[in-house]
C-alpha atoms as a PDB file:
ATOM      1  CA  MET A   1      -4.561  10.397   4.707  1.00  0.00           C
ATOM      2  CA  ILE A   2      -6.314  13.767   4.589  1.00  0.00           C
ATOM      3  CA  ILE A   3      -4.825  17.153   5.508  1.00  0.00           C
ATOM      4  CA  ASN A   4      -7.310  19.922   6.252  1.00  0.00           C
ATOM      5  CA  ALA A   5      -6.452  23.591   6.715  1.00  0.00           C
ATOM      6  CA  LEU A   6      -9.245  25.739   8.096  1.00  0.00           C
ATOM      7  CA  SER A   7      -9.214  29.558   8.134  1.00  0.00           C
ATOM      8  CA  LEU A   8      -5.420  29.804   8.503  1.00  0.00           C
ATOM      9  CA  GLY A   9      -3.990  33.242   9.219  1.00  0.00           C
ATOM     10  CA  PHE A  10      -0.422  34.311   9.868  1.00  0.00           C
ATOM     11  CA  SER A  11       1.488  37.555  10.429  1.00  0.00           C
ATOM     12  CA  TYR A  12       5.185  38.203  10.967  1.00  0.00           C
ATOM     13  CA  GLY A  13       6.509  40.708  13.511  1.00  0.00           C
ATOM     14  CA  ASN A  14       5.508  43.786  11.511  1.00  0.00           C
ATOM     15  CA  GLY A  15       1.844  42.839  11.889  1.00  0.00           C
ATOM     16  CA  LYS A  16       1.226  42.593   8.139  1.00  0.00           C
ATOM     17  CA  GLU A  17      -0.927  39.582   7.274  1.00  0.00           C
ATOM     18  CA  VAL A  18       0.951  37.094   5.103  1.00  0.00           C
ATOM     19  CA  LEU A  19      -1.863  34.533   5.025  1.00  0.00           C
ATOM     20  CA  LYS A  20      -5.538  35.232   5.577  1.00  0.00           C
ATOM     21  CA  ASP A  21      -8.461  32.790   5.835  1.00  0.00           C
ATOM     22  CA  VAL A  22      -6.640  29.992   3.963  1.00  0.00           C
ATOM     23  CA  THR A  23      -8.781  26.840   3.734  1.00  0.00           C
ATOM     24  CA  PHE A  24      -8.078  23.705   1.688  1.00  0.00           C
ATOM     25  CA  THR A  25      -8.017  19.897   1.745  1.00  0.00           C
ATOM     26  CA  LEU A  26      -5.158  17.668   0.567  1.00  0.00           C
ATOM     27  CA  ARG A  27      -5.364  13.917  -0.003  1.00  0.00           C
ATOM     28  CA  SER A  28      -2.450  11.531  -0.216  1.00  0.00           C
ATOM     29  CA  GLU A  29      -3.500  10.438  -3.712  1.00  0.00           C
ATOM     30  CA  SER A  30      -3.209  14.014  -5.041  1.00  0.00           C
ATOM     31  CA  MET A  31      -0.373  15.936  -6.655  1.00  0.00           C
ATOM     32  CA  THR A  32      -1.016  19.540  -5.674  1.00  0.00           C
ATOM     33  CA  VAL A  33       0.911  22.541  -6.951  1.00  0.00           C
ATOM     34  CA  LEU A  34       1.051  25.979  -5.321  1.00  0.00           C
ATOM     35  CA  LEU A  35       1.210  28.917  -7.704  1.00  0.00           C
ATOM     36  CA  GLY A  36       1.523  32.567  -6.764  1.00  0.00           C
ATOM     37  CA  ARG A  37       3.602  35.664  -7.218  1.00  0.00           C
ATOM     38  CA  ASN A  38       6.681  36.361  -5.107  1.00  0.00           C
ATOM     39  CA  GLY A  39       5.643  37.059  -1.524  1.00  0.00           C
ATOM     40  CA  ALA A  40       2.224  35.417  -1.915  1.00  0.00           C
ATOM     41  CA  GLY A  41       2.840  33.221   1.161  1.00  0.00           C
ATOM     42  CA  LYS A  42       3.742  29.858  -0.393  1.00  0.00           C
ATOM     43  CA  SER A  43       6.836  29.159   1.726  1.00  0.00           C
ATOM     44  CA  THR A  44       5.063  30.478   4.828  1.00  0.00           C
ATOM     45  CA  LEU A  45       2.231  28.019   4.250  1.00  0.00           C
ATOM     46  CA  PHE A  46       4.727  25.163   4.027  1.00  0.00           C
ATOM     47  CA  ARG A  47       6.350  26.259   7.281  1.00  0.00           C
ATOM     48  CA  LEU A  48       2.955  26.234   9.001  1.00  0.00           C
ATOM     49  CA  MET A  49       2.343  22.697   7.767  1.00  0.00           C
ATOM     50  CA  LEU A  50       5.739  21.636   9.124  1.00  0.00           C
ATOM     51  CA  LYS A  51       5.147  23.362  12.502  1.00  0.00           C
ATOM     52  CA  SER A  52       8.216  25.581  12.134  1.00  0.00           C
ATOM     53  CA  LEU A  53       5.714  28.463  12.367  1.00  0.00           C
ATOM     54  CA  MET A  54       2.486  28.572  14.344  1.00  0.00           C
ATOM     55  CA  PRO A  55      -0.669  30.097  12.831  1.00  0.00           C
ATOM     56  CA  LYS A  56      -2.167  33.265  14.254  1.00  0.00           C
ATOM     57  CA  ASN A  57      -5.624  31.936  13.439  1.00  0.00           C
ATOM     58  CA  GLY A  58      -7.094  28.677  12.223  1.00  0.00           C
ATOM     59  CA  VAL A  59      -6.000  25.072  12.452  1.00  0.00           C
ATOM     60  CA  ILE A  60      -4.406  22.294  10.400  1.00  0.00           C
ATOM     61  CA  THR A  61      -5.578  18.731  10.986  1.00  0.00           C
ATOM     62  CA  VAL A  62      -4.218  15.343   9.912  1.00  0.00           C
ATOM     63  CA  ASP A  63      -7.035  12.803   9.598  1.00  0.00           C
ATOM     64  CA  GLY A  64      -9.017  14.962  12.003  1.00  0.00           C
ATOM     65  CA  ILE A  65      -6.202  15.344  14.572  1.00  0.00           C
ATOM     66  CA  SER A  66      -4.897  18.851  15.210  1.00  0.00           C
ATOM     67  CA  LEU A  67      -1.338  19.391  14.030  1.00  0.00           C
ATOM     68  CA  ASP A  68      -0.593  21.041  17.382  1.00  0.00           C
ATOM     69  CA  SER A  69      -1.104  17.750  19.192  1.00  0.00           C
ATOM     70  CA  ILE A  70       1.172  15.697  16.898  1.00  0.00           C
ATOM     71  CA  GLU A  71       4.710  15.211  18.231  1.00  0.00           C
ATOM     72  CA  ASN A  72       7.540  16.041  15.829  1.00  0.00           C
ATOM     73  CA  ARG A  73       8.630  12.411  15.690  1.00  0.00           C
ATOM     74  CA  ASN A  74       5.157  11.414  14.485  1.00  0.00           C
ATOM     75  CA  LEU A  75       4.923  14.449  12.193  1.00  0.00           C
ATOM     76  CA  ALA A  76       7.908  12.971  10.317  1.00  0.00           C
ATOM     77  CA  LYS A  77       5.585  10.136   9.302  1.00  0.00           C
ATOM     78  CA  VAL A  78       3.175  12.648   7.778  1.00  0.00           C
ATOM     79  CA  PHE A  79       5.467  15.113   5.970  1.00  0.00           C
ATOM     80  CA  SER A  80       8.929  14.974   4.498  1.00  0.00           C
ATOM     81  CA  TYR A  81      10.317  18.259   3.227  1.00  0.00           C
ATOM     82  CA  ILE A  82      12.708  19.304   0.480  1.00  0.00           C
ATOM     83  CA  PRO A  83      13.610  23.009   0.724  1.00  0.00           C
ATOM     84  CA  GLN A  84      14.275  25.284  -2.228  1.00  0.00           C
ATOM     85  CA  SER A  85      17.992  25.192  -1.468  1.00  0.00           C
ATOM     86  CA  SER A  86      19.935  23.034   0.940  1.00  0.00           C
ATOM     87  CA  TYR A  87      23.370  23.448   2.440  1.00  0.00           C
ATOM     88  CA  MET A  88      25.275  20.767   4.287  1.00  0.00           C
ATOM     89  CA  GLU A  89      27.940  21.852   6.714  1.00  0.00           C
ATOM     90  CA  PHE A  90      29.841  18.592   6.340  1.00  0.00           C
ATOM     91  CA  SER A  91      30.719  16.521   3.276  1.00  0.00           C
ATOM     92  CA  TYR A  92      28.215  13.719   3.709  1.00  0.00           C
ATOM     93  CA  THR A  93      28.082  11.001   1.092  1.00  0.00           C
ATOM     94  CA  VAL A  94      24.931  10.320  -0.871  1.00  0.00           C
ATOM     95  CA  LEU A  95      24.355   7.086   1.063  1.00  0.00           C
ATOM     96  CA  ASP A  96      24.759   8.799   4.444  1.00  0.00           C
ATOM     97  CA  THR A  97      22.422  11.606   3.376  1.00  0.00           C
ATOM     98  CA  ILE A  98      19.657   9.135   2.551  1.00  0.00           C
ATOM     99  CA  LEU A  99      20.250   7.109   5.724  1.00  0.00           C
ATOM    100  CA  MET A 100      19.698  10.230   7.853  1.00  0.00           C
ATOM    101  CA  ALA A 101      16.006  10.050   6.995  1.00  0.00           C
ATOM    102  CA  SER A 102      15.624   6.701   8.791  1.00  0.00           C
ATOM    103  CA  SER A 103      16.259   8.310  12.194  1.00  0.00           C
ATOM    104  CA  SER A 104      12.554   8.920  12.858  1.00  0.00           C
ATOM    105  CA  ARG A 105      11.966   5.150  12.644  1.00  0.00           C
ATOM    106  CA  LEU A 106      14.850   4.147  14.918  1.00  0.00           C
ATOM    107  CA  SER A 107      14.982   4.066  18.691  1.00  0.00           C
ATOM    108  CA  LEU A 108      16.918   6.728  20.580  1.00  0.00           C
ATOM    109  CA  PHE A 109      20.726   6.474  20.155  1.00  0.00           C
ATOM    110  CA  SER A 110      20.331   3.770  17.460  1.00  0.00           C
ATOM    111  CA  SER A 111      22.165   3.938  14.136  1.00  0.00           C
ATOM    112  CA  PRO A 112      21.057   2.745  10.705  1.00  0.00           C
ATOM    113  CA  GLY A 113      21.888  -0.919  10.235  1.00  0.00           C
ATOM    114  CA  LYS A 114      22.021  -3.446   7.418  1.00  0.00           C
ATOM    115  CA  LYS A 115      18.289  -3.232   6.745  1.00  0.00           C
ATOM    116  CA  GLU A 116      18.326   0.561   6.402  1.00  0.00           C
ATOM    117  CA  LYS A 117      21.401   0.477   4.160  1.00  0.00           C
ATOM    118  CA  GLU A 118      19.700  -2.033   1.890  1.00  0.00           C
ATOM    119  CA  GLU A 119      16.638   0.224   1.704  1.00  0.00           C
ATOM    120  CA  ALA A 120      18.824   3.230   0.846  1.00  0.00           C
ATOM    121  CA  ARG A 121      20.644   1.348  -1.898  1.00  0.00           C
ATOM    122  CA  ALA A 122      17.319   0.156  -3.300  1.00  0.00           C
ATOM    123  CA  LEU A 123      16.176   3.784  -3.558  1.00  0.00           C
ATOM    124  CA  LEU A 124      19.378   4.707  -5.371  1.00  0.00           C
ATOM    125  CA  ALA A 125      18.667   1.873  -7.810  1.00  0.00           C
ATOM    126  CA  LEU A 126      15.074   3.070  -8.228  1.00  0.00           C
ATOM    127  CA  PHE A 127      16.364   6.425  -9.492  1.00  0.00           C
ATOM    128  CA  ASN A 128      19.260   4.879 -11.450  1.00  0.00           C
ATOM    129  CA  ILE A 129      21.839   6.749  -9.380  1.00  0.00           C
ATOM    130  CA  GLU A 130      23.648   3.835  -7.717  1.00  0.00           C
ATOM    131  CA  SER A 131      26.932   5.183  -9.059  1.00  0.00           C
ATOM    132  CA  LEU A 132      26.542   8.263  -6.828  1.00  0.00           C
ATOM    133  CA  CYS A 133      26.497   6.207  -3.622  1.00  0.00           C
ATOM    134  CA  ASP A 134      29.937   7.227  -2.343  1.00  0.00           C
ATOM    135  CA  ARG A 135      30.022  10.705  -3.885  1.00  0.00           C
ATOM    136  CA  THR A 136      29.653  13.685  -1.562  1.00  0.00           C
ATOM    137  CA  MET A 137      26.589  15.912  -1.932  1.00  0.00           C
ATOM    138  CA  GLU A 138      28.715  18.939  -2.818  1.00  0.00           C
ATOM    139  CA  ASN A 139      30.006  17.131  -5.906  1.00  0.00           C
ATOM    140  CA  LEU A 140      26.620  16.493  -7.508  1.00  0.00           C
ATOM    141  CA  SER A 141      24.820  18.351 -10.261  1.00  0.00           C
ATOM    142  CA  GLY A 142      21.577  20.145  -9.432  1.00  0.00           C
ATOM    143  CA  GLY A 143      19.430  17.370 -10.891  1.00  0.00           C
ATOM    144  CA  GLU A 144      21.389  14.642  -9.140  1.00  0.00           C
ATOM    145  CA  ARG A 145      21.108  16.451  -5.820  1.00  0.00           C
ATOM    146  CA  GLN A 146      17.331  16.794  -6.165  1.00  0.00           C
ATOM    147  CA  LEU A 147      16.952  13.079  -6.923  1.00  0.00           C
ATOM    148  CA  VAL A 148      19.030  12.234  -3.844  1.00  0.00           C
ATOM    149  CA  LEU A 149      16.863  14.528  -1.707  1.00  0.00           C
ATOM    150  CA  ILE A 150      13.715  12.883  -3.096  1.00  0.00           C
ATOM    151  CA  ALA A 151      15.223   9.472  -2.286  1.00  0.00           C
ATOM    152  CA  ARG A 152      15.923  10.743   1.247  1.00  0.00           C
ATOM    153  CA  ALA A 153      12.314  11.902   1.531  1.00  0.00           C
ATOM    154  CA  MET A 154      11.135   8.434   0.473  1.00  0.00           C
ATOM    155  CA  MET A 155      13.453   6.842   3.044  1.00  0.00           C
ATOM    156  CA  GLN A 156      11.539   8.788   5.678  1.00  0.00           C
ATOM    157  CA  LYS A 157       8.370   6.942   4.572  1.00  0.00           C
ATOM    158  CA  ALA A 158       6.090   9.933   5.078  1.00  0.00           C
ATOM    159  CA  SER A 159       2.632  10.082   3.522  1.00  0.00           C
ATOM    160  CA  PHE A 160       3.323  13.457   1.855  1.00  0.00           C
ATOM    161  CA  ILE A 161       6.401  15.038   0.308  1.00  0.00           C
ATOM    162  CA  ILE A 162       6.529  18.864   0.391  1.00  0.00           C
ATOM    163  CA  LEU A 163       8.879  20.559  -2.075  1.00  0.00           C
ATOM    164  CA  ASP A 164       9.579  24.298  -2.194  1.00  0.00           C
ATOM    165  CA  GLU A 165      10.287  25.206  -5.840  1.00  0.00           C
ATOM    166  CA  PRO A 166      12.075  21.908  -6.614  1.00  0.00           C
ATOM    167  CA  THR A 167      12.942  22.862 -10.206  1.00  0.00           C
ATOM    168  CA  SER A 168      13.948  26.520  -9.771  1.00  0.00           C
ATOM    169  CA  ASN A 169      17.704  25.973 -10.171  1.00  0.00           C
ATOM    170  CA  LEU A 170      17.618  23.151 -12.693  1.00  0.00           C
ATOM    171  CA  ASP A 171      18.055  23.028 -16.449  1.00  0.00           C
ATOM    172  CA  TYR A 172      15.045  21.972 -18.501  1.00  0.00           C
ATOM    173  CA  GLY A 173      16.058  18.317 -18.772  1.00  0.00           C
ATOM    174  CA  ASN A 174      16.544  17.997 -15.029  1.00  0.00           C
ATOM    175  CA  GLN A 175      13.249  19.837 -14.384  1.00  0.00           C
ATOM    176  CA  LEU A 176      11.408  17.196 -16.398  1.00  0.00           C
ATOM    177  CA  MET A 177      13.332  14.360 -14.744  1.00  0.00           C
ATOM    178  CA  VAL A 178      12.387  15.571 -11.252  1.00  0.00           C
ATOM    179  CA  LEU A 179       8.722  16.196 -12.117  1.00  0.00           C
ATOM    180  CA  GLU A 180       8.373  12.833 -13.861  1.00  0.00           C
ATOM    181  CA  THR A 181       9.843  11.204 -10.739  1.00  0.00           C
ATOM    182  CA  LEU A 182       7.328  13.020  -8.521  1.00  0.00           C
ATOM    183  CA  GLU A 183       4.515  12.016 -10.859  1.00  0.00           C
ATOM    184  CA  ARG A 184       5.567   8.376 -10.558  1.00  0.00           C
ATOM    185  CA  LEU A 185       5.738   8.556  -6.758  1.00  0.00           C
ATOM    186  CA  ASN A 186       2.249  10.047  -6.681  1.00  0.00           C
ATOM    187  CA  ARG A 187       0.907   7.147  -8.743  1.00  0.00           C
ATOM    188  CA  GLU A 188       2.398   4.854  -6.088  1.00  0.00           C
ATOM    189  CA  GLY A 189       0.339   6.550  -3.378  1.00  0.00           C
ATOM    190  CA  ILE A 190       2.583   9.306  -1.999  1.00  0.00           C
ATOM    191  CA  GLY A 191       0.973  12.734  -1.771  1.00  0.00           C
ATOM    192  CA  ILE A 192       3.015  15.446  -3.491  1.00  0.00           C
ATOM    193  CA  ILE A 193       2.796  19.168  -2.686  1.00  0.00           C
ATOM    194  CA  TYR A 194       5.181  21.562  -4.399  1.00  0.00           C
ATOM    195  CA  SER A 195       5.430  25.221  -5.318  1.00  0.00           C
ATOM    196  CA  THR A 196       6.604  26.648  -8.613  1.00  0.00           C
ATOM    197  CA  HIS A 197       6.690  29.864 -10.619  1.00  0.00           C
ATOM    198  CA  ASN A 198       6.193  27.988 -13.900  1.00  0.00           C
ATOM    199  CA  PRO A 199       2.470  27.683 -14.741  1.00  0.00           C
ATOM    200  CA  GLU A 200       3.174  25.411 -17.706  1.00  0.00           C
ATOM    201  CA  LEU A 201       4.850  22.772 -15.530  1.00  0.00           C
ATOM    202  CA  ALA A 202       2.103  23.130 -12.936  1.00  0.00           C
ATOM    203  CA  LEU A 203      -0.643  22.567 -15.503  1.00  0.00           C
ATOM    204  CA  SER A 204       1.131  19.597 -17.051  1.00  0.00           C
ATOM    205  CA  TYR A 205       1.864  17.611 -13.892  1.00  0.00           C
ATOM    206  CA  ALA A 206      -0.629  18.625 -11.182  1.00  0.00           C
ATOM    207  CA  SER A 207      -3.903  16.918 -10.365  1.00  0.00           C
ATOM    208  CA  SER A 208      -4.959  20.112  -8.570  1.00  0.00           C
ATOM    209  CA  ILE A 209      -3.577  23.660  -8.416  1.00  0.00           C
ATOM    210  CA  LEU A 210      -3.876  25.973  -5.430  1.00  0.00           C
ATOM    211  CA  ILE A 211      -3.288  29.645  -6.224  1.00  0.00           C
ATOM    212  CA  LEU A 212      -2.272  32.064  -3.492  1.00  0.00           C
ATOM    213  CA  ASP A 213      -2.784  35.742  -4.235  1.00  0.00           C
ATOM    214  CA  LYS A 214      -1.990  38.392  -1.626  1.00  0.00           C
ATOM    215  CA  GLY A 215      -2.076  35.777   1.119  1.00  0.00           C
ATOM    216  CA  MET A 216      -5.473  34.368   0.174  1.00  0.00           C
ATOM    217  CA  ILE A 217      -6.593  31.438  -1.970  1.00  0.00           C
ATOM    218  CA  SER A 218      -7.942  32.817  -5.216  1.00  0.00           C
ATOM    219  CA  SER A 219      -8.451  29.407  -6.821  1.00  0.00           C
ATOM    220  CA  TYR A 220      -8.173  25.716  -5.947  1.00  0.00           C
ATOM    221  CA  ASP A 221      -9.159  23.531  -8.863  1.00  0.00           C
ATOM    222  CA  SER A 222      -8.103  21.044 -11.513  1.00  0.00           C
ATOM    223  CA  PRO A 223      -5.802  22.243 -14.328  1.00  0.00           C
ATOM    224  CA  GLU A 224      -8.670  21.948 -16.833  1.00  0.00           C
ATOM    225  CA  LYS A 225     -11.044  24.163 -14.842  1.00  0.00           C
ATOM    226  CA  LEU A 226      -8.259  26.607 -14.046  1.00  0.00           C
ATOM    227  CA  VAL A 227      -7.531  27.090 -17.742  1.00  0.00           C
ATOM    228  CA  GLU A 228     -11.232  27.599 -18.504  1.00  0.00           C
ATOM    229  CA  SER A 229     -11.618  30.226 -15.766  1.00  0.00           C
ATOM    230  CA  GLY A 230      -8.872  32.558 -17.010  1.00  0.00           C
ATOM    231  CA  THR A 231      -7.446  32.776 -13.465  1.00  0.00           C
ATOM    232  CA  LEU A 232      -3.830  32.567 -14.616  1.00  0.00           C
ATOM    233  CA  GLN A 233      -4.224  35.612 -16.831  1.00  0.00           C
ATOM    234  CA  LYS A 234      -5.607  37.564 -13.870  1.00  0.00           C
ATOM    235  CA  LEU A 235      -2.862  36.335 -11.543  1.00  0.00           C
ATOM    236  CA  TYR A 236       0.027  37.351 -13.764  1.00  0.00           C
ATOM    237  CA  GLY A 237      -1.621  40.291 -15.512  1.00  0.00           C
ATOM    238  CA  LYS A 238      -0.745  38.857 -18.926  1.00  0.00           C
ATOM    239  CA  ASN A 239      -2.700  37.700 -21.943  1.00  0.00           C
ATOM    240  CA  LEU A 240      -1.744  34.011 -22.179  1.00  0.00           C
ATOM    241  CA  TYR A 241      -2.199  31.345 -24.831  1.00  0.00           C
ATOM    242  CA  ILE A 242      -2.843  28.012 -23.090  1.00  0.00           C
ATOM    243  CA  ASP A 243      -3.533  24.779 -24.938  1.00  0.00           C
ATOM    244  CA  LYS A 244      -3.393  21.042 -24.281  1.00  0.00           C
ATOM    245  CA  VAL A 245      -0.991  18.931 -26.335  1.00  0.00           C
ATOM    246  CA  PHE A 246      -1.303  15.139 -26.681  1.00  0.00           C
ATOM    247  CA  THR A 247       2.127  13.491 -26.793  1.00  0.00           C
ATOM    248  CA  GLY A 248       0.975   9.940 -27.471  1.00  0.00           C
ATOM    249  CA  GLU A 249       1.452   8.739 -23.902  1.00  0.00           C
ATOM    250  CA  ASN A 250       0.491  11.826 -21.912  1.00  0.00           C
ATOM    251  CA  GLU A 251      -1.256  15.134 -22.277  1.00  0.00           C
ATOM    252  CA  ARG A 252       0.663  18.278 -21.410  1.00  0.00           C
ATOM    253  CA  TYR A 253      -0.048  21.984 -21.527  1.00  0.00           C
ATOM    254  CA  VAL A 254       1.604  24.773 -23.457  1.00  0.00           C
ATOM    255  CA  CYS A 255       1.452  28.186 -21.784  1.00  0.00           C
ATOM    256  CA  ILE A 256       2.993  31.172 -23.562  1.00  0.00           C
ATOM    257  CA  PRO A 257       2.260  34.932 -23.736  1.00  0.00           C
ATOM    258  CA  LYS A 258       0.227  36.086 -26.723  1.00  0.00           C
END
């Protein structure tokens, strides 16, 4: 599946442009990270992709079909979304939370049955969190909650998972656990798109990095080419030391100020 954005523009009520002439292509085999300063338009871009906002200019297409013409029920097969923070009004269990994502595949007024419950339990086993099945979401750690939300996104069976700063409130161990999980899902054919403020984690896990600066794309390239171009130094206004480290199984980046 291919997502194309062409000349996207968006302004809120004050008339100030938040996004201007944003053009890019995403493929379901890619793991794309959005980098940018606060207010660069990352969350706004996600909301345009999810149709919770409509662009002032430009168009987004899914395999050549305009996003405008895709019904919300069918859009759920394209994108699943994990917000930066989530709040549940009621004390749903982990199992119920995951089962909610099957609604887009069920007929009207139907409830998840045996098949869906087996799928949900299989996802819990995939992430080694079966023991959380009957716990309520409010009684989970930050890392556990993120894994449950990723399992819910997988239950939706969308081609892409969008995550808005999925590691921002997690300790370092849980950050790595979540990113390694996303990396594994991407290898299995699910497109991953997430935003972060941590360039080191972006460089280490992304197959491509899209940088938003003042509402425009200043770079969209592989981590290797991004490092060579010096774009990160320009973005953050800092002199950075960036190097690749080989861990034996993987290669990761170190990014620290000089």
